[in-house]
Amino acid sequence: MGFELKVNGRTHRVDAEGSTPLLFVLRNDLGLVAAKLGCGSEQCGACIVLVDGEPAFACTLTLDAIGNRNITTLEGLGTPEAPHPLQRAFLEENAAQCGYCTAGMIVRAAALLADNPNPSELEIRTAMDGNLCRCGAHPRIVRAIQRAAGR
């Protein structure tokens, strides 16, 4: 079965079953590997992408459920030459230790800052609650989000 997906501003045609998780198509068919498979059950946030600007778990979101909505991955936020303010802030705050959770963290933080450009520390911590960092970099992650909000 074929699907048309709008990812990072481009339309892609993929051949996959409707029950296929978006994450598998992003990584295997489109070569967008920033989002990771962590738990596979919406518990860690490593797979977070934006669907029409809202955070979504790509590990469980199926192609059938996407419809004609716009998908944004970390690769769609910025480039090495022109990083998104969050990408720059994560680097400056050394907010990525092993890096496995980083894409999901940045993407969820981008949704937060789009809705609330100047969140309090509590609002940041609450918004980021669905993302886990097993390395314990949460204080640096919060500082990076605060830094990006200040730009």
Protein backbone atom coordinates (compact mmCIF):
# COMPACT_ATOMS: atom_id res chain seq x y z
CA MET A 1 0.00 0.00 0.00
CA GLY A 2 1.29 3.48 -0.72
CA PHE A 3 1.19 6.62 1.40
CA GLU A 4 2.06 10.23 0.77
CA LEU A 5 3.74 11.86 3.75
CA LYS A 6 4.60 15.51 4.23
CA VAL A 7 7.86 15.47 6.16
CA ASN A 8 10.03 18.52 6.82
CA GLY A 9 8.31 20.50 4.08
CA ARG A 10 8.64 17.83 1.39
CA THR A 11 6.18 15.24 0.11
CA HIS A 12 7.37 11.64 0.07
CA ARG A 13 5.70 8.58 -1.40
CA VAL A 14 6.30 5.40 0.60
CA ASP A 15 5.17 1.84 0.13
CA ALA A 16 4.21 0.42 3.52
CA GLU A 17 1.28 -1.06 5.37
CA GLY A 18 -1.04 1.35 7.17
CA SER A 19 -0.20 -0.28 10.49
CA THR A 20 3.50 0.58 10.10
CA PRO A 21 4.77 2.95 12.80
CA LEU A 22 5.88 6.31 11.44
CA LEU A 23 9.27 5.89 13.12
CA PHE A 24 10.14 2.90 10.94
CA VAL A 25 9.26 4.79 7.75
CA LEU A 26 11.21 7.88 8.82
CA ARG A 27 14.33 5.87 9.60
CA ASN A 28 14.21 3.04 7.07
CA ASP A 29 12.55 4.61 4.04
CA LEU A 30 13.38 8.30 4.33
CA GLY A 31 16.78 8.07 6.02
CA LEU A 32 15.78 10.48 8.80
CA VAL A 33 17.48 8.84 11.76
CA ALA A 34 17.41 11.50 14.50
CA ALA A 35 14.27 10.09 16.15
CA LYS A 36 15.15 6.83 17.90
CA LEU A 37 13.33 3.73 19.05
CA GLY A 38 13.70 3.63 22.81
CA CYS A 39 10.85 1.87 24.56
CA GLY A 40 8.33 1.45 21.74
CA SER A 41 5.49 2.24 24.14
CA GLU A 42 5.34 6.05 24.54
CA GLN A 43 7.31 6.00 27.79
CA CYS A 44 10.68 7.58 26.90
CA GLY A 45 10.19 10.23 24.20
CA ALA A 46 13.25 9.32 22.11
CA CYS A 47 10.98 9.05 19.06
CA ILE A 48 9.15 12.39 19.41
CA VAL A 49 8.34 14.23 16.18
CA LEU A 50 5.95 17.10 15.54
CA VAL A 51 2.67 16.41 13.78
CA ASP A 52 1.06 19.68 12.80
CA GLY A 53 3.26 21.32 15.43
CA GLU A 54 2.28 18.99 18.28
CA PRO A 55 4.59 16.39 19.84
CA ALA A 56 3.75 12.83 18.81
CA PHE A 57 5.28 9.45 19.54
CA ALA A 58 6.50 8.16 16.17
CA CYS A 59 7.03 4.68 17.64
CA THR A 60 3.28 4.10 17.96
CA LEU A 61 1.77 6.56 15.47
CA THR A 62 0.80 4.52 12.42
CA LEU A 63 0.69 5.67 8.83
CA ASP A 64 -3.09 5.18 8.82
CA ALA A 65 -3.42 7.72 11.65
CA ILE A 66 -1.35 10.47 10.03
CA GLY A 67 -3.55 11.44 7.13
CA ASN A 68 -2.52 14.67 5.45
CA ARG A 69 -0.82 16.24 8.46
CA ASN A 70 2.64 17.83 8.42
CA ILE A 71 5.47 15.98 10.14
CA THR A 72 8.59 17.70 11.41
CA THR A 73 11.64 15.81 12.64
CA LEU A 74 14.80 17.15 14.21
CA GLU A 75 16.30 17.24 10.71
CA GLY A 76 13.56 19.70 9.72
CA LEU A 77 14.28 22.17 12.53
CA GLY A 78 17.75 23.27 11.48
CA THR A 79 20.93 22.37 9.66
CA PRO A 80 24.59 22.23 10.71
CA GLU A 81 25.07 25.54 8.88
CA ALA A 82 21.96 27.17 10.37
CA PRO A 83 21.01 25.35 13.57
CA HIS A 84 17.70 25.93 15.30
CA PRO A 85 18.17 28.01 18.48
CA LEU A 86 17.45 24.89 20.56
CA GLN A 87 20.10 22.89 18.72
CA ARG A 88 22.62 25.66 19.36
CA ALA A 89 21.60 25.95 23.02
CA PHE A 90 21.88 22.19 23.57
CA LEU A 91 25.44 22.34 22.25
CA GLU A 92 26.34 25.38 24.32
CA GLU A 93 24.92 23.85 27.52
CA ASN A 94 26.43 20.42 26.80
CA ALA A 95 22.90 19.09 27.22
CA ALA A 96 23.51 15.88 25.29
CA GLN A 97 25.59 13.31 27.10
CA CYS A 98 25.09 10.08 25.13
CA GLY A 99 22.74 11.83 22.69
CA TYR A 100 20.14 9.08 22.40
CA CYS A 101 17.29 11.17 23.81
CA THR A 102 18.41 14.48 22.34
CA ALA A 103 16.30 14.56 19.17
CA GLY A 104 13.10 13.89 21.10
CA MET A 105 14.06 16.45 23.73
CA ILE A 106 14.74 19.19 21.19
CA VAL A 107 11.62 18.47 19.15
CA ARG A 108 9.36 18.50 22.22
CA ALA A 109 11.06 21.68 23.45
CA ALA A 110 10.45 23.29 20.04
CA ALA A 111 6.72 22.64 20.46
CA LEU A 112 6.85 24.13 23.95
CA LEU A 113 8.60 27.30 22.79
CA ALA A 114 6.24 27.67 19.83
CA ASP A 115 3.31 27.70 22.28
CA ASN A 116 5.07 29.56 25.10
CA PRO A 117 8.14 31.57 24.06
CA ASN A 118 9.08 32.41 27.65
CA PRO A 119 8.28 29.41 29.87
CA SER A 120 9.15 29.25 33.53
CA GLU A 121 11.42 26.50 34.80
CA LEU A 122 8.37 24.66 36.15
CA GLU A 123 6.62 24.93 32.79
CA ILE A 124 9.71 23.55 31.05
CA ARG A 125 10.01 20.65 33.48
CA THR A 126 6.29 19.87 33.16
CA ALA A 127 6.35 20.00 29.34
CA MET A 128 9.45 17.80 29.18
CA ASP A 129 8.13 15.23 31.66
CA GLY A 130 7.39 12.71 28.89
CA ASN A 131 11.03 12.58 27.79
CA LEU A 132 13.62 10.55 29.67
CA CYS A 133 17.36 11.08 29.78
CA ARG A 134 18.99 8.07 31.32
CA CYS A 135 22.32 9.93 31.56
CA GLY A 136 20.86 12.45 34.00
CA ALA A 137 21.41 15.54 31.85
CA HIS A 138 18.01 17.01 32.79
CA PRO A 139 19.44 20.12 34.54
CA ARG A 140 21.49 20.96 31.43
CA ILE A 141 18.50 20.26 29.20
CA VAL A 142 16.37 22.70 31.20
CA ARG A 143 19.15 25.32 30.98
CA ALA A 144 19.40 24.80 27.22
CA ILE A 145 15.67 25.36 26.80
CA GLN A 146 15.86 28.47 28.95
CA ARG A 147 18.81 29.72 26.86
CA ALA A 148 16.93 29.12 23.60
CA ALA A 149 13.85 30.87 25.00
CA GLY A 150 16.01 33.92 25.71
CA ARG A 151 17.02 34.26 22.06
